[in-house]
Amino acid sequence: MKKIILTALTVLTIFGLVGCNGVLHDYKDPEVFTGGTWYYYDVPTDAANVIFNIAGGNQSSDITGIDVSGGSIYYAWDSTVGADNPGNNLVFEPGDKPAGQAGRVWCYTNAASAPNCYWWGCADGANDAAWPGKPMTKNGETPLVEYTFTLKSIEIVGAPEIGGAGYYAFCEGWVPNNDWGAGTPNKVTSLTNGNAVLELDYDHTTSVPATLSIQILNPATDGVFWADASKFGGGALNVNIPSDCDGKTYVWKIYASDFASYLVEVTE
């Protein structure tokens, strides 16, 4: 992914280019966002990078080298343009800003719903967010309550036979030790009573309502890992997280017959 961070000097340069030739190059002044709203999220004070995004939709470019240890950072994100567009994320310069504090990331955006804040680069990688990050809070509203539940395993019920590569691979940013390719350790190499069972014992923290997403690959060879034919279910599979999930343990069951997906509570 191309990494872009636009400083105040860059913003001035863009305005200078506009003044010279009158061409906007798809750049949008943050002040003309339709329905622009401030959102915030409190990240670890040693987080080094952030991305704003809408789950399943557009995202900002990578905002790298941030410093929130001494106070807030402020960005404007035009959610209608792509991650490589120069107007995609900008240090917010014009107008009034909400009050700042250490660790707080502010985003002024025209997104149709609360964006996610994804961060990484903490000294302790365990403090990095799992993609797509955490839903941001609209300025003036009460922060979302977060809950933690345990995902014991993911099970493909009635799984097709394992392909020539010799495994089912489970990939997603939140999965422990995730790797986006054939090198991932999250593999199932044999079926158990006709099911593909990936043991996890993973504790997941989230606000609700929310979903979990997983991409499952059953490739013929490592070389065609991401080929459409390798994707079990045709792409990302999602499951709704119950609103009363806090403190509970679940098995995620995905039925190969129709790709129906459920979190089934473990009560033993």
C-alpha atoms as a PDB file:
ATOM      1  CA  MET A   1       0.000   0.000   0.000  1.00  0.00           C
ATOM      2  CA  LYS A   2       1.343   3.408  -0.967  1.00  0.00           C
ATOM      3  CA  LYS A   3       2.007   5.434   2.147  1.00  0.00           C
ATOM      4  CA  ILE A   4       1.055   9.116   2.122  1.00  0.00           C
ATOM      5  CA  ILE A   5       1.206  11.618   4.966  1.00  0.00           C
ATOM      6  CA  LEU A   6       0.467  15.216   4.166  1.00  0.00           C
ATOM      7  CA  THR A   7       1.854  17.828   6.510  1.00  0.00           C
ATOM      8  CA  ALA A   8       0.740  21.416   6.822  1.00  0.00           C
ATOM      9  CA  LEU A   9       3.553  22.346   4.426  1.00  0.00           C
ATOM     10  CA  THR A  10       2.199  19.880   1.877  1.00  0.00           C
ATOM     11  CA  VAL A  11      -1.272  21.388   2.251  1.00  0.00           C
ATOM     12  CA  LEU A  12       0.177  24.812   1.519  1.00  0.00           C
ATOM     13  CA  THR A  13       1.985  23.374  -1.498  1.00  0.00           C
ATOM     14  CA  ILE A  14      -1.288  21.960  -2.828  1.00  0.00           C
ATOM     15  CA  PHE A  15      -2.992  25.316  -2.433  1.00  0.00           C
ATOM     16  CA  GLY A  16      -0.009  26.853  -4.215  1.00  0.00           C
ATOM     17  CA  LEU A  17      -0.475  24.492  -7.135  1.00  0.00           C
ATOM     18  CA  VAL A  18      -4.144  25.371  -7.317  1.00  0.00           C
ATOM     19  CA  GLY A  19      -3.279  29.059  -7.331  1.00  0.00           C
ATOM     20  CA  CYS A  20      -0.827  28.580 -10.218  1.00  0.00           C
ATOM     21  CA  ASN A  21      -2.970  26.690 -12.688  1.00  0.00           C
ATOM     22  CA  GLY A  22      -6.488  26.451 -11.253  1.00  0.00           C
ATOM     23  CA  VAL A  23      -6.511  22.634 -11.439  1.00  0.00           C
ATOM     24  CA  LEU A  24      -7.736  20.915  -8.280  1.00  0.00           C
ATOM     25  CA  HIS A  25      -6.312  17.429  -8.994  1.00  0.00           C
ATOM     26  CA  ASP A  26      -9.372  15.944  -7.210  1.00  0.00           C
ATOM     27  CA  TYR A  27      -8.346  17.637  -3.956  1.00  0.00           C
ATOM     28  CA  LYS A  28     -11.204  18.734  -1.709  1.00  0.00           C
ATOM     29  CA  ASP A  29     -10.902  21.406   0.951  1.00  0.00           C
ATOM     30  CA  PRO A  30     -12.054  19.863   4.270  1.00  0.00           C
ATOM     31  CA  GLU A  31     -14.413  22.810   4.745  1.00  0.00           C
ATOM     32  CA  VAL A  32     -16.565  21.662   1.789  1.00  0.00           C
ATOM     33  CA  PHE A  33     -17.208  18.154   3.131  1.00  0.00           C
ATOM     34  CA  THR A  34     -20.929  17.458   3.073  1.00  0.00           C
ATOM     35  CA  GLY A  35     -22.067  16.772   6.629  1.00  0.00           C
ATOM     36  CA  GLY A  36     -18.530  16.749   8.004  1.00  0.00           C
ATOM     37  CA  THR A  37     -18.393  15.571  11.622  1.00  0.00           C
ATOM     38  CA  TRP A  38     -15.662  15.163  14.239  1.00  0.00           C
ATOM     39  CA  TYR A  39     -14.998  11.673  15.629  1.00  0.00           C
ATOM     40  CA  TYR A  40     -12.358  10.558  18.138  1.00  0.00           C
ATOM     41  CA  TYR A  41     -10.679   7.484  19.572  1.00  0.00           C
ATOM     42  CA  ASP A  42      -8.109   7.144  22.360  1.00  0.00           C
ATOM     43  CA  VAL A  43      -5.180   5.055  21.135  1.00  0.00           C
ATOM     44  CA  PRO A  44      -2.070   4.001  23.109  1.00  0.00           C
ATOM     45  CA  THR A  45       0.172   7.041  23.520  1.00  0.00           C
ATOM     46  CA  ASP A  46       3.046   5.260  21.732  1.00  0.00           C
ATOM     47  CA  ALA A  47       1.020   4.345  18.634  1.00  0.00           C
ATOM     48  CA  ALA A  48       3.020   5.443  15.578  1.00  0.00           C
ATOM     49  CA  ASN A  49       0.541   5.132  12.705  1.00  0.00           C
ATOM     50  CA  VAL A  50      -3.200   5.252  12.043  1.00  0.00           C
ATOM     51  CA  ILE A  51      -5.692   4.518   9.277  1.00  0.00           C
ATOM     52  CA  PHE A  52      -9.324   5.633   9.200  1.00  0.00           C
ATOM     53  CA  ASN A  53     -11.741   3.286   7.470  1.00  0.00           C
ATOM     54  CA  ILE A  54     -15.307   2.153   7.071  1.00  0.00           C
ATOM     55  CA  ALA A  55     -15.739  -1.589   7.604  1.00  0.00           C
ATOM     56  CA  GLY A  56     -16.082  -3.220   4.199  1.00  0.00           C
ATOM     57  CA  GLY A  57     -15.599   0.130   2.459  1.00  0.00           C
ATOM     58  CA  ASN A  58     -13.129   2.922   1.773  1.00  0.00           C
ATOM     59  CA  GLN A  59     -10.114   3.824   3.887  1.00  0.00           C
ATOM     60  CA  SER A  60      -7.671   6.667   4.315  1.00  0.00           C
ATOM     61  CA  SER A  61      -4.093   6.327   3.209  1.00  0.00           C
ATOM     62  CA  ASP A  62      -1.606   5.257   5.881  1.00  0.00           C
ATOM     63  CA  ILE A  63      -0.918   8.129   8.290  1.00  0.00           C
ATOM     64  CA  THR A  64       2.568   7.367   9.560  1.00  0.00           C
ATOM     65  CA  GLY A  65       4.891   8.868  12.144  1.00  0.00           C
ATOM     66  CA  ILE A  66       2.196  10.302  14.410  1.00  0.00           C
ATOM     67  CA  ASP A  67       2.914  11.484  17.952  1.00  0.00           C
ATOM     68  CA  VAL A  68       0.000  11.557  20.378  1.00  0.00           C
ATOM     69  CA  SER A  69       2.107  11.307  23.531  1.00  0.00           C
ATOM     70  CA  GLY A  70       1.717  15.020  24.299  1.00  0.00           C
ATOM     71  CA  GLY A  71      -1.727  15.746  22.872  1.00  0.00           C
ATOM     72  CA  SER A  72      -4.208  15.091  20.102  1.00  0.00           C
ATOM     73  CA  ILE A  73      -3.636  14.892  16.366  1.00  0.00           C
ATOM     74  CA  TYR A  74      -6.308  16.211  13.994  1.00  0.00           C
ATOM     75  CA  TYR A  75      -7.020  14.906  10.489  1.00  0.00           C
ATOM     76  CA  ALA A  76      -9.637  15.518   7.826  1.00  0.00           C
ATOM     77  CA  TRP A  77     -10.601  12.431   5.830  1.00  0.00           C
ATOM     78  CA  ASP A  78     -12.655  12.665   2.657  1.00  0.00           C
ATOM     79  CA  SER A  79     -14.185   9.187   2.623  1.00  0.00           C
ATOM     80  CA  THR A  80     -15.417   9.563  -0.970  1.00  0.00           C
ATOM     81  CA  VAL A  81     -11.937   9.353  -2.547  1.00  0.00           C
ATOM     82  CA  GLY A  82      -9.458   6.495  -2.682  1.00  0.00           C
ATOM     83  CA  ALA A  83      -6.479   5.853  -0.440  1.00  0.00           C
ATOM     84  CA  ASP A  84      -3.998   7.186  -3.026  1.00  0.00           C
ATOM     85  CA  ASN A  85      -5.833  10.481  -3.597  1.00  0.00           C
ATOM     86  CA  PRO A  86      -3.974  13.580  -2.286  1.00  0.00           C
ATOM     87  CA  GLY A  87      -7.172  14.835  -0.631  1.00  0.00           C
ATOM     88  CA  ASN A  88      -7.709  11.556   1.195  1.00  0.00           C
ATOM     89  CA  ASN A  89      -6.249  12.550   4.550  1.00  0.00           C
ATOM     90  CA  LEU A  90      -4.876  15.898   5.614  1.00  0.00           C
ATOM     91  CA  VAL A  91      -3.638  17.567   8.766  1.00  0.00           C
ATOM     92  CA  PHE A  92      -6.691  19.606   9.729  1.00  0.00           C
ATOM     93  CA  GLU A  93      -5.814  23.292   9.547  1.00  0.00           C
ATOM     94  CA  PRO A  94      -8.917  25.475   9.104  1.00  0.00           C
ATOM     95  CA  GLY A  95     -11.577  26.219  11.696  1.00  0.00           C
ATOM     96  CA  ASP A  96     -12.021  25.289  15.327  1.00  0.00           C
ATOM     97  CA  LYS A  97     -10.860  21.953  16.699  1.00  0.00           C
ATOM     98  CA  PRO A  98     -12.242  19.971  19.655  1.00  0.00           C
ATOM     99  CA  ALA A  99     -10.219  19.956  22.863  1.00  0.00           C
ATOM    100  CA  GLY A 100      -7.213  17.662  22.746  1.00  0.00           C
ATOM    101  CA  GLN A 101      -5.585  15.247  25.148  1.00  0.00           C
ATOM    102  CA  ALA A 102      -2.737  12.753  25.069  1.00  0.00           C
ATOM    103  CA  GLY A 103      -3.577   9.677  23.026  1.00  0.00           C
ATOM    104  CA  ARG A 104      -6.710  11.095  21.412  1.00  0.00           C
ATOM    105  CA  VAL A 105      -6.965  10.892  17.613  1.00  0.00           C
ATOM    106  CA  TRP A 106      -9.480  13.224  15.966  1.00  0.00           C
ATOM    107  CA  CYS A 107     -10.933  12.719  12.484  1.00  0.00           C
ATOM    108  CA  TYR A 108     -13.144  15.220  10.658  1.00  0.00           C
ATOM    109  CA  THR A 109     -14.978  13.237   7.987  1.00  0.00           C
ATOM    110  CA  ASN A 110     -17.978  13.048   5.684  1.00  0.00           C
ATOM    111  CA  ALA A 111     -18.303   9.272   6.219  1.00  0.00           C
ATOM    112  CA  ALA A 112     -21.920   8.101   6.392  1.00  0.00           C
ATOM    113  CA  SER A 113     -21.334   6.334   9.717  1.00  0.00           C
ATOM    114  CA  ALA A 114     -18.759   6.268  12.497  1.00  0.00           C
ATOM    115  CA  PRO A 115     -15.367   5.362  10.981  1.00  0.00           C
ATOM    116  CA  ASN A 116     -12.937   2.896  12.501  1.00  0.00           C
ATOM    117  CA  CYS A 117      -9.549   3.973  13.836  1.00  0.00           C
ATOM    118  CA  TYR A 118      -6.853   1.384  13.171  1.00  0.00           C
ATOM    119  CA  TRP A 119      -3.428   1.919  14.762  1.00  0.00           C
ATOM    120  CA  TRP A 120      -0.100   0.122  14.847  1.00  0.00           C
ATOM    121  CA  GLY A 121       3.569   0.611  15.653  1.00  0.00           C
ATOM    122  CA  CYS A 122       3.303   0.423  19.464  1.00  0.00           C
ATOM    123  CA  ALA A 123       6.452  -0.577  21.346  1.00  0.00           C
ATOM    124  CA  ASP A 124       4.531  -3.640  22.505  1.00  0.00           C
ATOM    125  CA  GLY A 125       2.939  -5.063  19.376  1.00  0.00           C
ATOM    126  CA  ALA A 126       0.199  -6.606  21.514  1.00  0.00           C
ATOM    127  CA  ASN A 127      -1.182  -3.067  21.904  1.00  0.00           C
ATOM    128  CA  ASP A 128      -1.631  -2.659  18.141  1.00  0.00           C
ATOM    129  CA  ALA A 129      -5.210  -2.820  16.893  1.00  0.00           C
ATOM    130  CA  ALA A 130      -6.625  -5.741  14.938  1.00  0.00           C
ATOM    131  CA  TRP A 131      -7.979  -4.670  11.553  1.00  0.00           C
ATOM    132  CA  PRO A 132     -10.259  -2.802  10.967  1.00  0.00           C
ATOM    133  CA  GLY A 133      -9.613  -1.129  14.318  1.00  0.00           C
ATOM    134  CA  LYS A 134     -12.173   0.343  16.704  1.00  0.00           C
ATOM    135  CA  PRO A 135     -15.305   2.403  15.964  1.00  0.00           C
ATOM    136  CA  MET A 136     -14.700   6.067  16.695  1.00  0.00           C
ATOM    137  CA  THR A 137     -17.006   8.139  18.904  1.00  0.00           C
ATOM    138  CA  LYS A 138     -18.923  11.076  17.468  1.00  0.00           C
ATOM    139  CA  ASN A 139     -18.009  14.338  19.168  1.00  0.00           C
ATOM    140  CA  GLY A 140     -20.435  14.988  22.005  1.00  0.00           C
ATOM    141  CA  GLU A 141     -21.679  11.401  22.246  1.00  0.00           C
ATOM    142  CA  THR A 142     -20.917   8.782  24.897  1.00  0.00           C
ATOM    143  CA  PRO A 143     -18.105   6.378  23.943  1.00  0.00           C
ATOM    144  CA  LEU A 144     -19.200   2.881  22.965  1.00  0.00           C
ATOM    145  CA  VAL A 145     -19.005   0.209  25.653  1.00  0.00           C
ATOM    146  CA  GLU A 146     -16.583  -2.601  24.819  1.00  0.00           C
ATOM    147  CA  TYR A 147     -16.991  -6.273  25.677  1.00  0.00           C
ATOM    148  CA  THR A 148     -14.607  -9.230  25.650  1.00  0.00           C
ATOM    149  CA  PHE A 149     -15.441 -12.815  24.712  1.00  0.00           C
ATOM    150  CA  THR A 150     -13.383 -15.920  23.965  1.00  0.00           C
ATOM    151  CA  LEU A 151     -13.402 -17.517  20.522  1.00  0.00           C
ATOM    152  CA  LYS A 152     -12.467 -21.147  21.238  1.00  0.00           C
ATOM    153  CA  SER A 153     -12.276 -22.304  17.632  1.00  0.00           C
ATOM    154  CA  ILE A 154     -13.465 -21.899  14.062  1.00  0.00           C
ATOM    155  CA  GLU A 155     -15.074 -25.013  12.573  1.00  0.00           C
ATOM    156  CA  ILE A 156     -16.048 -25.696   8.959  1.00  0.00           C
ATOM    157  CA  VAL A 157     -18.855 -28.226   9.301  1.00  0.00           C
ATOM    158  CA  GLY A 158     -18.941 -30.743   6.450  1.00  0.00           C
ATOM    159  CA  ALA A 159     -15.738 -29.348   4.963  1.00  0.00           C
ATOM    160  CA  PRO A 160     -14.773 -30.307   1.401  1.00  0.00           C
ATOM    161  CA  GLU A 161     -11.639 -32.404   1.085  1.00  0.00           C
ATOM    162  CA  ILE A 162      -8.382 -30.549   1.613  1.00  0.00           C
ATOM    163  CA  GLY A 163      -6.808 -29.421  -1.675  1.00  0.00           C
ATOM    164  CA  GLY A 164      -3.439 -30.188  -3.166  1.00  0.00           C
ATOM    165  CA  ALA A 165      -1.574 -27.649  -1.016  1.00  0.00           C
ATOM    166  CA  GLY A 166      -2.468 -29.801   1.986  1.00  0.00           C
ATOM    167  CA  TYR A 167      -4.284 -27.312   4.232  1.00  0.00           C
ATOM    168  CA  TYR A 168      -7.107 -24.938   4.961  1.00  0.00           C
ATOM    169  CA  ALA A 169      -5.667 -21.498   5.839  1.00  0.00           C
ATOM    170  CA  PHE A 170      -7.496 -18.938   7.998  1.00  0.00           C
ATOM    171  CA  CYS A 171      -6.496 -15.307   7.410  1.00  0.00           C
ATOM    172  CA  GLU A 172      -7.639 -12.022   8.952  1.00  0.00           C
ATOM    173  CA  GLY A 173      -5.957  -9.188  10.810  1.00  0.00           C
ATOM    174  CA  TRP A 174      -7.459 -10.096  14.192  1.00  0.00           C
ATOM    175  CA  VAL A 175      -6.349 -13.761  14.034  1.00  0.00           C
ATOM    176  CA  PRO A 176      -3.326 -14.381  16.314  1.00  0.00           C
ATOM    177  CA  ASN A 177      -0.030 -14.588  14.367  1.00  0.00           C
ATOM    178  CA  ASN A 178      -1.859 -13.781  11.140  1.00  0.00           C
ATOM    179  CA  ASP A 179       0.063 -13.927   7.867  1.00  0.00           C
ATOM    180  CA  TRP A 180      -1.559 -12.906   4.587  1.00  0.00           C
ATOM    181  CA  GLY A 181      -0.304 -15.846   2.588  1.00  0.00           C
ATOM    182  CA  ALA A 182       0.786 -19.465   2.476  1.00  0.00           C
ATOM    183  CA  GLY A 183       3.202 -18.845   5.342  1.00  0.00           C
ATOM    184  CA  THR A 184       0.410 -18.405   7.880  1.00  0.00           C
ATOM    185  CA  PRO A 185       0.605 -20.739  10.885  1.00  0.00           C
ATOM    186  CA  ASN A 186      -3.201 -20.753  11.121  1.00  0.00           C
ATOM    187  CA  LYS A 187      -3.802 -23.905   9.103  1.00  0.00           C
ATOM    188  CA  VAL A 188      -5.808 -27.099   9.344  1.00  0.00           C
ATOM    189  CA  THR A 189      -4.022 -30.004   7.660  1.00  0.00           C
ATOM    190  CA  SER A 190      -6.516 -32.803   8.386  1.00  0.00           C
ATOM    191  CA  LEU A 191     -10.252 -33.088   8.936  1.00  0.00           C
ATOM    192  CA  THR A 192     -11.808 -34.134  12.244  1.00  0.00           C
ATOM    193  CA  ASN A 193     -14.975 -36.189  11.698  1.00  0.00           C
ATOM    194  CA  GLY A 194     -15.448 -34.393   8.384  1.00  0.00           C
ATOM    195  CA  ASN A 195     -14.907 -30.927   9.873  1.00  0.00           C
ATOM    196  CA  ALA A 196     -11.964 -28.496   9.564  1.00  0.00           C
ATOM    197  CA  VAL A 197     -11.274 -27.268  13.105  1.00  0.00           C
ATOM    198  CA  LEU A 198      -8.891 -24.391  13.882  1.00  0.00           C
ATOM    199  CA  GLU A 199      -8.230 -24.129  17.624  1.00  0.00           C
ATOM    200  CA  LEU A 200      -7.767 -20.522  18.767  1.00  0.00           C
ATOM    201  CA  ASP A 201      -8.688 -19.778  22.410  1.00  0.00           C
ATOM    202  CA  TYR A 202      -8.566 -16.127  21.402  1.00  0.00           C
ATOM    203  CA  ASP A 203      -9.974 -13.264  23.522  1.00  0.00           C
ATOM    204  CA  HIS A 204     -11.666 -10.639  21.336  1.00  0.00           C
ATOM    205  CA  THR A 205     -12.659  -7.164  22.556  1.00  0.00           C
ATOM    206  CA  THR A 206     -15.306  -5.234  20.659  1.00  0.00           C
ATOM    207  CA  SER A 207     -18.233  -2.873  20.912  1.00  0.00           C
ATOM    208  CA  VAL A 208     -21.601  -4.132  19.715  1.00  0.00           C
ATOM    209  CA  PRO A 209     -23.273  -4.393  17.279  1.00  0.00           C
ATOM    210  CA  ALA A 210     -20.305  -5.765  15.363  1.00  0.00           C
ATOM    211  CA  THR A 211     -19.213  -8.614  13.124  1.00  0.00           C
ATOM    212  CA  LEU A 212     -16.167 -10.843  12.773  1.00  0.00           C
ATOM    213  CA  SER A 213     -14.711 -11.540   9.347  1.00  0.00           C
ATOM    214  CA  ILE A 214     -12.510 -14.421   8.173  1.00  0.00           C
ATOM    215  CA  GLN A 215     -10.995 -15.458   4.839  1.00  0.00           C
ATOM    216  CA  ILE A 216     -10.510 -19.206   4.410  1.00  0.00           C
ATOM    217  CA  LEU A 217      -8.328 -20.619   1.646  1.00  0.00           C
ATOM    218  CA  ASN A 218      -8.175 -24.199   0.364  1.00  0.00           C
ATOM    219  CA  PRO A 219      -5.614 -23.870  -2.451  1.00  0.00           C
ATOM    220  CA  ALA A 220      -4.391 -26.467  -4.900  1.00  0.00           C
ATOM    221  CA  THR A 221      -0.824 -25.138  -4.450  1.00  0.00           C
ATOM    222  CA  ASP A 222       0.887 -22.376  -2.480  1.00  0.00           C
ATOM    223  CA  GLY A 223       1.286 -20.469  -5.746  1.00  0.00           C
ATOM    224  CA  VAL A 224      -2.479 -20.045  -6.210  1.00  0.00           C
ATOM    225  CA  PHE A 225      -3.169 -19.207  -2.555  1.00  0.00           C
ATOM    226  CA  TRP A 226      -5.294 -16.129  -3.346  1.00  0.00           C
ATOM    227  CA  ALA A 227      -6.875 -17.391  -6.574  1.00  0.00           C
ATOM    228  CA  ASP A 228     -10.675 -17.156  -6.618  1.00  0.00           C
ATOM    229  CA  ALA A 229     -10.887 -20.945  -6.868  1.00  0.00           C
ATOM    230  CA  SER A 230      -8.995 -21.221  -3.551  1.00  0.00           C
ATOM    231  CA  LYS A 231     -11.417 -19.056  -1.559  1.00  0.00           C
ATOM    232  CA  PHE A 232     -13.803 -21.100   0.552  1.00  0.00           C
ATOM    233  CA  GLY A 233     -17.156 -19.337   0.330  1.00  0.00           C
ATOM    234  CA  GLY A 234     -15.917 -17.046  -2.438  1.00  0.00           C
ATOM    235  CA  GLY A 235     -14.305 -14.448  -0.174  1.00  0.00           C
ATOM    236  CA  ALA A 236     -14.665 -13.029   3.317  1.00  0.00           C
ATOM    237  CA  LEU A 237     -17.177 -14.764   5.584  1.00  0.00           C
ATOM    238  CA  ASN A 238     -18.831 -12.799   8.395  1.00  0.00           C
ATOM    239  CA  VAL A 239     -20.645 -13.587  11.617  1.00  0.00           C
ATOM    240  CA  ASN A 240     -22.706 -11.321  13.851  1.00  0.00           C
ATOM    241  CA  ILE A 241     -21.442 -10.897  17.417  1.00  0.00           C
ATOM    242  CA  PRO A 242     -24.231 -11.314  20.001  1.00  0.00           C
ATOM    243  CA  SER A 243     -25.028  -8.209  22.042  1.00  0.00           C
ATOM    244  CA  ASP A 244     -24.689 -10.229  25.281  1.00  0.00           C
ATOM    245  CA  CYS A 245     -21.263 -11.667  24.385  1.00  0.00           C
ATOM    246  CA  ASP A 246     -19.338 -10.275  27.358  1.00  0.00           C
ATOM    247  CA  GLY A 247     -17.459 -12.977  29.258  1.00  0.00           C
ATOM    248  CA  LYS A 248     -18.791 -15.823  27.131  1.00  0.00           C
ATOM    249  CA  THR A 249     -17.007 -18.474  25.053  1.00  0.00           C
ATOM    250  CA  TYR A 250     -17.996 -19.350  21.504  1.00  0.00           C
ATOM    251  CA  VAL A 251     -17.249 -21.752  18.678  1.00  0.00           C
ATOM    252  CA  TRP A 252     -17.633 -20.164  15.243  1.00  0.00           C
ATOM    253  CA  LYS A 253     -19.398 -22.739  13.068  1.00  0.00           C
ATOM    254  CA  ILE A 254     -19.439 -22.265   9.293  1.00  0.00           C
ATOM    255  CA  TYR A 255     -21.556 -24.765   7.363  1.00  0.00           C
ATOM    256  CA  ALA A 256     -20.050 -25.792   4.022  1.00  0.00           C
ATOM    257  CA  SER A 257     -23.474 -26.661   2.586  1.00  0.00           C
ATOM    258  CA  ASP A 258     -24.604 -23.022   2.403  1.00  0.00           C
ATOM    259  CA  PHE A 259     -21.821 -21.026   4.169  1.00  0.00           C
ATOM    260  CA  ALA A 260     -24.213 -20.159   7.014  1.00  0.00           C
ATOM    261  CA  SER A 261     -22.188 -18.727   9.890  1.00  0.00           C
ATOM    262  CA  TYR A 262     -22.970 -18.761  13.632  1.00  0.00           C
ATOM    263  CA  LEU A 263     -21.283 -18.113  16.972  1.00  0.00           C
ATOM    264  CA  VAL A 264     -22.371 -21.024  19.153  1.00  0.00           C
ATOM    265  CA  GLU A 265     -21.935 -20.522  22.879  1.00  0.00           C
ATOM    266  CA  VAL A 266     -19.880 -23.083  24.793  1.00  0.00           C
ATOM    267  CA  THR A 267     -21.600 -23.675  28.143  1.00  0.00           C
ATOM    268  CA  GLU A 268     -19.523 -26.514  29.618  1.00  0.00           C
END
